[in-house]
Amino acid sequence: MAYAVDNLAVAFQKLEDAGISMTSNRIVHDPLSGLRQVFISREQTGYFIELIERTETAEEGTFKEGSMAELANSMKSYLGDDEGAGDIPTSVVGELPGTVEAVRSFLSRPENLPRWTAHQTVMQVGEGRWIERRLAGDVPLSVSSEADRVTFTWDFSERQFVVVFDLMAVENGVRVTVPIPEGVEGKRAIRTASIITSELLLLTSAMGEAVEPEALVRARHEIGRFHLEVYARPGA
C-alpha cells in the first residue's frame, strides 16, 4: 500500500518522533522513477506501507500509467530473475582512498554500515553488542579486525554468514579484496558481486573521496532496493 505525501522529510521525522519502525534510517531516492520513498515496517500493520514524495521527474499521470509495469520489471531484476549468465565470480576487488589503518578503522565500526551497505537497521543493544533488525527477528552481528583484514559475522540460528574484507596498501590507497561468501553460488554469486561493487563505491564516497555522480546514484539505487530484500530475508 502506498500513500503520496507533500513533504517526505517532514513525514519521516514525524514517524521517527512517534517511534514508528521503518525499514531504513534514511529516505531512499529511486533515480529510475524520480520518487523519494520510505517503507513503514510490516511489524506495525502486518504489511509494508510506502510513503512517496513525487518530484518533477515523476508526474502523477506518468506514475499511474507506466510506473507499475516499470516497477514490476525493476523488481524482477532486483530479485535476480533475469540476470544474465556469465562467469561466476569468486571475489570483488576495488581500491579505496587513505591508509590501511584508516580503512580498517572505518570498516570496524558497525555504526558505519548504514552509510555504505544495504544493512540499514544495524544497532547497538549493549556494551559491545550489535544486532541487525530484520522482519523475522534480530540477528546478532560481530565485527573483528586484524592488521590487514576486517570480518563481519551474522549469527543466524542455522549457521553463520561471514563476509571478509582483505586490505593491502598500494600506491594510491588501499586495495580491498572481498571473497564471495561461502555458500553463495551461481546467479546469487553474480548478484552478490554486483552488490559488493556498489558498496565499495559508496564506501569510497563515505570516506571522503569524490565519486562520479551518476555512478553514485546507481549504486545508491541498487543498495536501496537490496535493503528491502535483506530486511525481509529470514536467513542468510
Protein backbone atom coordinates (compact mmCIF):
# COMPACT_ATOMS: atom_id res chain seq x y z
CA MET A 1 0.00 0.00 0.00
CA ALA A 2 1.41 3.42 -0.95
CA TYR A 3 0.49 6.97 0.04
CA ALA A 4 1.74 10.18 -1.59
CA VAL A 5 2.91 12.95 0.75
CA ASP A 6 3.87 16.55 0.00
CA ASN A 7 7.00 16.62 2.16
CA LEU A 8 8.60 13.25 2.85
CA ALA A 9 11.31 14.68 5.10
CA VAL A 10 8.67 16.11 7.45
CA ALA A 11 6.66 12.87 7.40
CA PHE A 12 9.81 10.83 8.03
CA GLN A 13 10.71 12.97 11.04
CA LYS A 14 7.19 12.67 12.49
CA LEU A 15 7.32 8.88 12.16
CA GLU A 16 10.71 8.76 13.88
CA ASP A 17 9.49 11.05 16.67
CA ALA A 18 6.47 8.77 17.19
CA GLY A 19 8.67 5.69 17.41
CA ILE A 20 7.27 4.12 14.23
CA SER A 21 9.61 1.44 12.88
CA MET A 22 10.79 1.82 9.28
CA THR A 23 12.88 -0.48 7.10
CA SER A 24 15.72 2.06 6.79
CA ASN A 25 17.03 5.03 8.71
CA ARG A 26 17.02 7.32 5.69
CA ILE A 27 14.85 8.34 2.74
CA VAL A 28 15.50 6.28 -0.40
CA HIS A 29 15.65 8.04 -3.76
CA ASP A 30 14.72 5.99 -6.81
CA PRO A 31 16.50 7.60 -9.79
CA LEU A 32 14.58 5.49 -12.30
CA SER A 33 11.17 6.85 -11.32
CA GLY A 34 12.24 10.09 -9.68
CA LEU A 35 10.40 9.12 -6.49
CA ARG A 36 11.59 9.60 -2.94
CA GLN A 37 10.24 6.91 -0.65
CA VAL A 38 10.33 5.20 2.73
CA PHE A 39 8.69 1.99 3.91
CA ILE A 40 6.97 1.58 7.27
CA SER A 41 7.86 -1.81 8.73
CA ARG A 42 5.37 -4.65 8.35
CA GLU A 43 5.63 -5.13 12.12
CA GLN A 44 3.36 -2.11 12.53
CA THR A 45 0.38 -3.20 10.42
CA GLY A 46 1.03 -6.66 9.02
CA TYR A 47 2.11 -5.31 5.61
CA PHE A 48 4.52 -2.72 4.25
CA ILE A 49 3.27 0.85 3.83
CA GLU A 50 5.15 3.03 1.38
CA LEU A 51 5.25 6.81 1.63
CA ILE A 52 6.08 8.56 -1.64
CA GLU A 53 7.04 12.11 -2.48
CA ARG A 54 6.65 12.87 -6.16
CA THR A 55 9.20 15.04 -7.95
CA GLU A 56 9.16 16.85 -11.28
CA THR A 57 10.56 13.68 -12.84
CA ALA A 58 7.67 11.61 -11.51
CA GLU A 59 4.49 13.37 -12.58
CA GLU A 60 1.33 11.82 -11.17
CA GLY A 61 -0.09 10.80 -14.54
CA THR A 62 3.16 9.22 -15.67
CA PHE A 63 3.34 7.21 -12.48
CA LYS A 64 -0.20 5.91 -12.85
CA GLU A 65 0.19 4.93 -16.50
CA GLY A 66 3.64 3.46 -16.62
CA SER A 67 5.24 3.04 -13.27
CA MET A 68 3.59 -0.19 -12.18
CA ALA A 69 4.94 -2.06 -15.20
CA GLU A 70 8.35 -0.45 -14.73
CA LEU A 71 8.28 -1.32 -11.04
CA ALA A 72 7.43 -4.95 -11.81
CA ASN A 73 10.30 -5.17 -14.27
CA SER A 74 12.63 -3.44 -11.83
CA MET A 75 11.68 -5.81 -9.00
CA LYS A 76 12.06 -8.83 -11.28
CA SER A 77 15.62 -7.75 -11.98
CA TYR A 78 16.12 -6.82 -8.34
CA LEU A 79 15.11 -10.30 -7.23
CA GLY A 80 17.54 -11.85 -9.68
CA ASP A 81 15.05 -13.43 -12.10
CA ASP A 82 16.64 -12.11 -15.29
CA GLU A 83 20.30 -11.93 -14.51
CA GLY A 84 22.45 -12.96 -17.43
CA ALA A 85 24.67 -15.95 -17.49
CA GLY A 86 28.40 -15.47 -17.19
CA ASP A 87 31.48 -16.44 -15.28
CA ILE A 88 30.75 -16.98 -11.60
CA PRO A 89 32.89 -14.51 -9.62
CA THR A 90 34.94 -15.67 -6.65
CA SER A 91 35.81 -12.23 -5.28
CA VAL A 92 35.43 -8.48 -5.82
CA VAL A 93 38.47 -6.20 -5.86
CA GLY A 94 38.46 -2.42 -5.52
CA GLU A 95 40.60 0.44 -4.31
CA LEU A 96 39.81 2.88 -1.51
CA PRO A 97 41.41 6.17 -0.51
CA GLY A 98 43.55 6.54 2.59
CA THR A 99 45.66 4.10 4.55
CA VAL A 100 45.07 0.52 5.63
CA GLU A 101 44.73 1.79 9.21
CA ALA A 102 42.08 4.36 8.25
CA VAL A 103 40.08 1.89 6.15
CA ARG A 104 40.29 -0.81 8.84
CA SER A 105 39.13 1.69 11.49
CA PHE A 106 36.13 2.78 9.38
CA LEU A 107 35.09 -0.77 8.48
CA SER A 108 35.46 -1.97 12.06
CA ARG A 109 32.71 0.32 13.36
CA PRO A 110 29.30 -1.35 12.90
CA GLU A 111 27.53 2.02 13.19
CA ASN A 112 29.03 2.92 9.80
CA LEU A 113 27.31 0.05 7.95
CA PRO A 114 24.13 2.03 7.09
CA ARG A 115 26.31 4.63 5.36
CA TRP A 116 27.62 2.25 2.70
CA THR A 117 25.71 -1.06 2.75
CA ALA A 118 22.18 -2.42 2.49
CA HIS A 119 22.31 -3.20 6.21
CA GLN A 120 20.30 -0.16 7.27
CA THR A 121 18.91 -1.47 10.56
CA VAL A 122 22.15 -2.21 12.43
CA MET A 123 22.00 -1.00 16.03
CA GLN A 124 23.80 -1.37 19.34
CA VAL A 125 21.91 -3.22 22.07
CA GLY A 126 24.51 -3.26 24.82
CA GLU A 127 28.16 -2.78 25.57
CA GLY A 128 29.94 -4.17 22.53
CA ARG A 129 26.80 -5.96 21.32
CA TRP A 130 25.27 -5.27 17.91
CA ILE A 131 22.30 -6.65 16.02
CA GLU A 132 20.71 -6.21 12.63
CA ARG A 133 16.96 -5.80 13.00
CA ARG A 134 15.05 -7.89 10.47
CA LEU A 135 11.44 -8.79 9.90
CA ALA A 136 11.94 -12.37 11.09
CA GLY A 137 13.86 -11.30 14.20
CA ASP A 138 17.08 -9.65 15.34
CA VAL A 139 20.32 -11.15 14.00
CA PRO A 140 23.46 -10.83 16.18
CA LEU A 141 26.31 -9.13 14.33
CA SER A 142 30.00 -9.05 15.24
CA VAL A 143 32.93 -7.28 13.59
CA SER A 144 36.52 -8.32 14.17
CA SER A 145 39.70 -6.82 12.75
CA GLU A 146 43.30 -7.84 12.25
CA ALA A 147 46.20 -5.89 10.77
CA ASP A 148 45.02 -6.33 7.18
CA ARG A 149 41.53 -7.86 7.49
CA VAL A 150 38.05 -6.97 8.74
CA THR A 151 35.49 -9.74 9.22
CA PHE A 152 31.71 -9.32 9.54
CA THR A 153 29.79 -12.25 11.05
CA TRP A 154 25.99 -12.58 11.17
CA ASP A 155 24.93 -15.28 13.64
CA PHE A 156 21.83 -16.98 12.22
CA SER A 157 20.28 -19.87 14.10
CA GLU A 158 21.11 -22.31 11.29
CA ARG A 159 24.62 -21.06 10.56
CA GLN A 160 26.96 -18.10 10.49
CA PHE A 161 27.25 -15.86 7.46
CA VAL A 162 30.73 -14.37 7.13
CA VAL A 163 31.98 -11.54 4.90
CA VAL A 164 35.70 -10.77 4.81
CA PHE A 165 37.46 -7.61 3.63
CA ASP A 166 41.19 -8.14 2.97
CA LEU A 167 43.23 -4.92 2.87
CA MET A 168 46.56 -4.21 1.20
CA ALA A 169 48.42 -0.92 0.85
CA VAL A 170 49.03 0.16 -2.76
CA GLU A 171 50.49 3.27 -4.33
CA ASN A 172 47.26 5.29 -4.44
CA GLY A 173 45.47 3.96 -1.37
CA VAL A 174 44.20 0.57 -0.26
CA ARG A 175 43.31 -2.45 -2.36
CA VAL A 176 40.27 -4.24 -0.95
CA THR A 177 39.53 -7.85 -1.83
CA VAL A 178 36.16 -9.30 -0.80
CA PRO A 179 35.78 -13.05 -1.44
CA ILE A 180 32.27 -14.16 -2.34
CA PRO A 181 30.93 -15.60 0.96
CA GLU A 182 30.87 -19.34 1.45
CA GLY A 183 27.63 -20.93 0.26
CA VAL A 184 26.83 -18.15 -2.21
CA GLU A 185 26.81 -19.72 -5.67
CA GLY A 186 25.52 -19.36 -9.21
CA LYS A 187 23.31 -16.38 -10.01
CA ARG A 188 23.34 -15.31 -6.39
CA ALA A 189 27.15 -15.04 -6.55
CA ILE A 190 26.89 -12.83 -9.65
CA ARG A 191 24.37 -10.59 -7.95
CA THR A 192 26.35 -10.53 -4.70
CA ALA A 193 29.41 -9.35 -6.63
CA SER A 194 27.35 -6.51 -8.09
CA ILE A 195 26.11 -5.52 -4.62
CA ILE A 196 29.63 -5.56 -3.18
CA THR A 197 30.85 -3.41 -6.08
CA SER A 198 28.16 -0.83 -5.29
CA GLU A 199 29.02 -1.00 -1.59
CA LEU A 200 32.69 -0.31 -2.32
CA LEU A 201 31.70 2.71 -4.38
CA LEU A 202 29.54 4.04 -1.54
CA LEU A 203 32.35 3.27 0.89
CA THR A 204 34.72 5.34 -1.25
CA SER A 205 32.28 8.26 -1.04
CA ALA A 206 31.73 7.79 2.70
CA MET A 207 35.47 8.04 3.23
CA GLY A 208 35.60 11.42 1.52
CA GLU A 209 36.72 10.57 -2.00
CA ALA A 210 34.91 12.20 -4.93
CA VAL A 211 32.80 9.73 -6.93
CA GLU A 212 31.25 10.23 -10.36
CA PRO A 213 27.69 11.43 -9.58
CA GLU A 214 25.81 9.12 -11.94
CA ALA A 215 27.72 6.08 -10.66
CA LEU A 216 26.94 7.13 -7.11
CA VAL A 217 23.22 7.42 -7.89
CA ARG A 218 23.18 3.98 -9.49
CA ALA A 219 24.96 2.47 -6.50
CA ARG A 220 22.54 4.07 -4.04
CA HIS A 221 19.61 2.83 -6.08
CA GLU A 222 20.91 -0.75 -6.11
CA ILE A 223 21.68 -0.73 -2.39
CA GLY A 224 18.34 0.89 -1.54
CA ARG A 225 16.46 -1.84 -3.39
CA PHE A 226 18.59 -4.60 -1.91
CA HIS A 227 17.94 -3.29 1.61
CA LEU A 228 14.27 -4.35 1.36
CA GLU A 229 15.26 -7.90 0.46
CA VAL A 230 17.80 -8.07 3.29
CA TYR A 231 15.23 -6.80 5.78
CA ALA A 232 12.61 -9.35 4.72
CA ARG A 233 15.02 -12.28 4.34
CA PRO A 234 14.52 -14.94 7.07
CA GLY A 235 18.08 -16.28 6.87
CA ALA A 236 21.48 -15.69 5.35
